[in-house]
Protein backbone atom coordinates (compact mmCIF):
# COMPACT_ATOMS: atom_id res chain seq x y z
CA MET A 1 -5.34 -37.30 -2.36
CA ASP A 2 -4.82 -36.12 -5.93
CA SER A 3 -1.12 -35.21 -5.99
CA LEU A 4 -1.27 -33.19 -9.20
CA ASP A 5 -4.31 -31.27 -7.98
CA GLU A 6 -2.58 -30.47 -4.69
CA ILE A 7 0.56 -29.33 -6.51
CA SER A 8 -1.48 -27.10 -8.86
CA ARG A 9 -3.05 -25.29 -5.90
CA ILE A 10 0.30 -23.70 -5.04
CA ARG A 11 1.73 -20.75 -6.97
CA ARG A 12 5.53 -20.73 -6.85
CA GLU A 13 7.89 -17.85 -7.54
CA LEU A 14 11.64 -17.47 -7.26
CA LYS A 15 13.83 -14.40 -6.89
CA ASP A 16 17.37 -15.41 -7.83
CA GLY A 17 19.80 -12.80 -6.53
CA GLU A 18 22.63 -12.70 -4.00
CA ARG A 19 20.00 -13.89 -1.57
CA LYS A 20 17.49 -16.43 -2.87
CA THR A 21 13.77 -16.04 -2.18
CA VAL A 22 11.21 -18.79 -2.76
CA SER A 23 7.56 -17.77 -2.49
CA LEU A 24 4.54 -20.04 -2.19
CA THR A 25 0.92 -18.87 -2.34
CA ARG A 26 -2.13 -21.02 -1.78
CA ARG A 27 -5.77 -20.53 -0.80
CA TYR A 28 -7.28 -22.58 2.03
CA ASP A 29 -10.98 -23.12 2.75
CA ALA A 30 -10.62 -21.96 6.34
CA GLU A 31 -11.01 -18.68 8.19
CA VAL A 32 -7.93 -16.52 8.69
CA GLU A 33 -8.09 -16.93 12.47
CA ASP A 34 -8.07 -20.72 12.14
CA VAL A 35 -5.09 -20.72 9.77
CA TRP A 36 -3.25 -18.29 12.04
CA GLU A 37 -3.77 -20.51 15.07
CA ALA A 38 -2.63 -23.57 13.10
CA CYS A 39 0.61 -21.74 12.25
CA THR A 40 1.34 -20.23 15.68
CA ASP A 41 -0.01 -22.63 18.32
CA GLY A 42 2.62 -25.16 19.32
CA GLU A 43 0.21 -28.03 19.80
CA ARG A 44 -1.35 -27.52 16.38
CA ILE A 45 1.99 -27.00 14.63
CA ALA A 46 3.07 -30.43 15.88
CA ARG A 47 0.02 -32.04 14.28
CA TRP A 48 0.73 -30.98 10.69
CA PHE A 49 4.39 -29.93 10.66
CA MET A 50 6.70 -31.09 13.45
CA PRO A 51 7.06 -30.72 17.22
CA VAL A 52 8.17 -27.25 18.31
CA SER A 53 9.50 -25.92 21.61
CA GLY A 54 10.43 -22.51 22.92
CA ASP A 55 8.86 -19.22 23.89
CA LEU A 56 6.33 -18.74 21.10
CA ARG A 57 5.80 -14.99 21.30
CA LEU A 58 7.25 -11.84 19.78
CA GLY A 59 10.93 -11.68 20.70
CA GLY A 60 10.95 -15.28 21.84
CA THR A 61 12.79 -18.20 20.28
CA TYR A 62 11.61 -21.50 18.87
CA GLN A 63 13.13 -24.83 17.88
CA LEU A 64 11.56 -27.35 15.51
CA GLU A 65 12.48 -30.89 16.45
CA GLY A 66 15.38 -32.00 14.27
CA ASN A 67 15.08 -28.96 12.04
CA ALA A 68 15.35 -25.17 12.07
CA GLY A 69 15.13 -22.78 14.98
CA GLY A 70 15.38 -19.06 15.48
CA GLU A 71 13.76 -15.90 16.81
CA ILE A 72 10.23 -14.58 16.34
CA LEU A 73 10.98 -11.22 14.74
CA ASP A 74 7.50 -9.91 13.89
CA CYS A 75 4.07 -11.09 14.96
CA GLU A 76 0.89 -9.27 13.94
CA PRO A 77 -2.11 -11.54 14.63
CA PRO A 78 -3.80 -12.80 12.59
CA SER A 79 -2.04 -11.67 9.43
CA TYR A 80 1.78 -11.52 9.56
CA LEU A 81 4.61 -13.58 11.05
CA ARG A 82 8.36 -13.28 10.44
CA VAL A 83 10.98 -15.54 11.99
CA SER A 84 14.66 -16.27 11.52
CA TRP A 85 15.09 -19.79 10.14
CA LEU A 86 18.47 -21.15 11.17
CA PHE A 87 19.87 -24.65 10.75
CA GLY A 88 23.40 -25.92 11.13
CA LEU A 89 26.56 -24.39 12.59
CA ASP A 90 26.91 -21.49 10.12
CA PRO A 91 23.49 -20.91 8.54
CA GLY A 92 24.01 -17.34 7.35
CA PHE A 93 20.96 -15.17 6.71
CA SER A 94 17.65 -17.03 6.56
CA GLU A 95 14.16 -15.69 7.30
CA VAL A 96 10.63 -16.95 6.74
CA GLU A 97 7.58 -14.70 6.42
CA VAL A 98 3.93 -15.79 6.44
CA ARG A 99 1.09 -13.50 5.39
CA LEU A 100 -2.60 -14.35 5.71
CA SER A 101 -5.49 -12.46 4.19
CA PRO A 102 -9.20 -13.18 3.62
CA GLU A 103 -10.11 -14.36 0.12
CA GLY A 104 -13.41 -15.73 -1.16
CA GLY A 105 -14.63 -16.95 2.20
CA GLY A 106 -11.28 -18.60 2.90
CA THR A 107 -7.66 -17.57 3.47
CA LEU A 108 -4.89 -16.63 1.08
CA PHE A 109 -1.69 -18.08 2.57
CA GLU A 110 1.61 -16.59 1.41
CA LEU A 111 5.00 -17.89 2.53
CA ARG A 112 8.32 -16.33 1.60
CA HIS A 113 11.69 -17.84 2.52
CA THR A 114 14.76 -15.66 1.88
CA ALA A 115 18.21 -17.08 2.52
CA GLU A 116 21.88 -16.98 1.67
CA VAL A 117 22.47 -20.31 -0.06
CA PRO A 118 25.97 -21.78 -0.62
CA PRO A 119 26.75 -21.63 -4.37
CA GLU A 120 27.53 -25.35 -4.54
CA MET A 121 24.15 -26.23 -3.05
CA TRP A 122 22.25 -23.84 -5.30
CA GLY A 123 24.17 -25.06 -8.33
CA ARG A 124 23.17 -28.64 -7.62
CA TYR A 125 19.59 -28.36 -6.34
CA GLY A 126 18.30 -24.91 -7.28
CA PRO A 127 15.16 -23.88 -5.38
CA GLY A 128 13.81 -27.42 -5.09
CA ALA A 129 15.80 -28.42 -2.00
CA VAL A 130 13.86 -25.99 0.16
CA GLY A 131 10.84 -25.66 -2.13
CA VAL A 132 9.82 -29.32 -1.98
CA GLY A 133 10.02 -29.18 1.80
CA TRP A 134 7.66 -26.21 1.88
CA ASP A 135 5.30 -27.91 -0.58
CA LEU A 136 5.11 -30.84 1.83
CA ALA A 137 4.42 -28.46 4.71
CA LEU A 138 1.60 -26.74 2.81
CA LEU A 139 0.10 -30.14 2.02
CA GLY A 140 0.15 -31.05 5.70
CA LEU A 141 -1.42 -27.73 6.66
CA GLY A 142 -4.19 -28.19 4.11
CA LEU A 143 -5.01 -31.69 5.34
CA HIS A 144 -4.99 -30.48 8.94
CA LEU A 145 -7.30 -27.55 8.23
CA SER A 146 -9.75 -29.76 6.36
CA GLY A 147 -9.82 -32.37 9.10
CA ALA A 148 -8.46 -35.06 6.77
CA PRO A 149 -6.08 -37.69 8.15
CA LEU A 150 -2.42 -36.90 7.68
CA PRO A 151 -0.06 -39.48 6.19
CA ASP A 152 2.71 -41.00 8.27
CA LYS A 153 5.49 -38.42 7.93
CA ALA A 154 8.20 -40.99 8.53
CA GLY A 155 7.24 -43.08 5.51
CA PHE A 156 5.37 -40.73 3.20
CA GLU A 157 8.14 -40.82 0.60
CA LEU A 158 7.77 -44.61 0.40
CA THR A 159 4.10 -44.51 -0.59
CA GLY A 160 2.74 -44.08 -4.10
CA GLU A 161 1.04 -40.85 -3.10
CA GLY A 162 4.21 -39.55 -1.51
CA ARG A 163 6.39 -40.37 -4.50
CA SER A 164 3.90 -38.77 -6.88
CA TYR A 165 3.62 -35.60 -4.81
CA ILE A 166 7.37 -35.17 -4.30
CA THR A 167 8.15 -35.86 -7.96
CA ALA A 168 5.52 -33.36 -9.12
CA SER A 169 6.74 -30.80 -6.60
CA SER A 170 10.34 -31.15 -7.76
CA ARG A 171 9.27 -30.65 -11.38
CA ALA A 172 7.18 -27.60 -10.44
CA TRP A 173 10.19 -25.99 -8.79
CA GLY A 174 12.23 -26.79 -11.89
CA GLU A 175 9.69 -24.80 -13.90
CA ALA A 176 9.95 -21.91 -11.44
CA PHE A 177 13.75 -22.09 -11.75
CA GLU A 178 13.50 -21.76 -15.53
CA GLN A 179 11.04 -18.88 -15.25
CA ALA A 180 13.56 -17.10 -13.03
CA GLY A 181 16.21 -17.37 -15.74
CA ALA A 182 17.89 -20.76 -15.35
CA SER A 183 18.68 -22.68 -18.51
CA PRO A 184 16.55 -25.75 -19.31
CA GLU A 185 19.62 -27.92 -18.75
CA SER A 186 20.36 -26.41 -15.31
CA ALA A 187 16.71 -26.74 -14.30
CA ALA A 188 16.58 -30.38 -15.41
CA THR A 189 19.77 -31.18 -13.49
CA ALA A 190 18.36 -29.51 -10.37
CA VAL A 191 15.08 -31.42 -10.68
CA ALA A 192 16.90 -34.75 -10.94
CA ALA A 193 19.14 -33.99 -7.93
CA THR A 194 16.24 -32.72 -5.82
CA THR A 195 14.03 -35.71 -6.60
CA ASP A 196 16.87 -38.09 -5.78
CA PHE A 197 17.48 -36.23 -2.50
CA TYR A 198 13.88 -36.62 -1.33
CA LEU A 199 13.17 -40.10 -2.72
CA PRO A 200 15.11 -43.32 -2.25
CA THR A 201 16.93 -44.24 -5.46
CA GLU A 202 15.06 -47.50 -5.85
CA ASP A 203 11.76 -45.56 -6.02
CA GLN A 204 12.78 -43.56 -9.09
CA SER A 205 11.11 -44.38 -12.38
């Protein structure tokens, strides 16, 4: 895996308002129907993302193991999915949208996560706290769709590939933060905090 190449395949955008929106766009060499199934079938989701339980249909609820849960708000196969994305005791507003469309014999994948973020968290991490997590998810989806072996999720951050990918992802979100209006100093502080959050301190260089 070429970490920098994988990072460059994702286009990142940030809307910094009262609610924060991070957007990720990437093309996959797979048919729309295949990508849709990978994102909506519980057995396939567990292969590249994490185990999920619940009633996976419009109006149903879902729960990712050890992570977010919520309600399936919109479902228009094979092109549009919108879910609430709730984690913790008082998560506030948080929704994730996925749009799929044909492009060049493959699929254009667009993910948008809009949430109310506590000011202290945003001030420390910026968009990277959630953005790096989504970059890792898109990497897993790409490997799954291509049939490539997936790395061990439990120890990915301890490998050279994992450290390179996470570090590059954190920097890419720092660039998106600056493009959205953050000062270079604020962006650099957020990149450092985000990288430290995802990687053990002893792995920093």
